[in-house]
C-alpha cells in the first residue's frame, strides 16, 4: 500500500465538495458530506478574513420551510 499524500486527500475532498448530487453516475452524497468537505477545504486554504474567533459556521437550512 502506498502512503497517502496531502494532495490525494485534497483531491478527494474536492470531489465530494463539488459533486453534483443530481448526477445519476455519481456516488450517493448527503448535503452534510458536501458541507463538511467544503468546510475542510475552506479551512485548509485559509479563506475568509480571519477576523472572527468562532471559525466557520455553515447553516444547513435546505428543505426547511419558513414559518
Protein backbone atom coordinates (compact mmCIF):
# COMPACT_ATOMS: atom_id res chain seq x y z
CA UNK A 1 0.00 0.00 0.00
CA UNK A 2 1.32 3.43 -0.95
CA UNK A 3 1.39 6.23 1.61
CA UNK A 4 -1.47 8.72 1.49
CA UNK A 5 -0.40 12.19 0.38
CA UNK A 6 -1.96 15.53 1.30
CA UNK A 7 -2.68 16.09 -2.40
CA UNK A 8 -4.74 12.89 -2.56
CA UNK A 9 -6.76 13.94 0.47
CA UNK A 10 -7.42 17.39 -1.00
CA UNK A 11 -8.44 15.83 -4.34
CA UNK A 12 -10.92 13.53 -2.60
CA UNK A 13 -12.36 16.41 -0.55
CA UNK A 14 -12.72 18.47 -3.72
CA UNK A 15 -14.53 15.58 -5.45
CA UNK A 16 -17.03 15.38 -2.57
CA UNK A 17 -17.39 19.15 -2.19
CA UNK A 18 -18.08 19.80 -5.85
CA UNK A 19 -20.01 16.64 -6.75
CA UNK A 20 -23.43 17.16 -8.29
CA UNK A 21 -25.91 15.09 -6.29
CA UNK A 22 -28.26 15.10 -9.30
CA UNK A 23 -25.70 13.20 -11.39
CA UNK A 24 -27.01 9.61 -11.67
CA UNK A 25 -23.47 8.25 -12.19
CA UNK A 26 -22.04 9.93 -9.08
CA UNK A 27 -21.71 8.23 -5.72
CA UNK A 28 -24.62 9.00 -3.40
CA UNK A 29 -23.75 12.01 -1.24
CA UNK A 30 -25.56 13.74 1.56
CA UNK A 31 -25.60 17.53 1.70
CA UNK A 32 -23.82 17.24 5.06
CA UNK A 33 -20.95 15.41 3.35
CA UNK A 34 -20.59 18.23 0.84
CA UNK A 35 -20.79 20.92 3.53
CA UNK A 36 -18.16 19.21 5.66
CA UNK A 37 -15.83 18.77 2.69
CA UNK A 38 -16.26 22.45 1.77
CA UNK A 39 -15.60 23.45 5.37
CA UNK A 40 -12.37 21.42 5.49
CA UNK A 41 -11.20 22.88 2.17
CA UNK A 42 -12.11 26.39 3.36
CA UNK A 43 -10.02 25.95 6.50
CA UNK A 44 -7.11 24.38 4.63
CA UNK A 45 -6.99 27.19 2.09
CA UNK A 46 -7.18 29.87 4.80
CA UNK A 47 -10.16 31.57 3.20
CA UNK A 48 -12.10 34.30 4.95
CA UNK A 49 -10.96 37.40 6.74
CA UNK A 50 -9.79 35.60 9.88
CA UNK A 51 -11.33 38.36 12.00
CA UNK A 52 -13.75 36.18 13.92
CA UNK A 53 -12.92 33.72 16.62
CA UNK A 54 -15.88 31.42 16.06
CA UNK A 55 -14.45 29.92 12.86
CA UNK A 56 -16.54 28.61 10.02
CA UNK A 57 -20.28 28.43 10.59
CA UNK A 58 -22.35 26.65 7.98
CA UNK A 59 -26.13 26.77 8.34
CA UNK A 60 -27.88 23.88 6.67
CA UNK A 61 -31.45 25.05 6.13
CA UNK A 62 -32.06 23.24 2.85
CA UNK A 63 -35.54 21.81 2.72
CA UNK A 64 -36.79 23.61 5.82
CA UNK A 65 -39.95 25.62 5.47
CA UNK A 66 -40.10 29.16 6.70
CA UNK A 67 -42.73 29.89 9.40
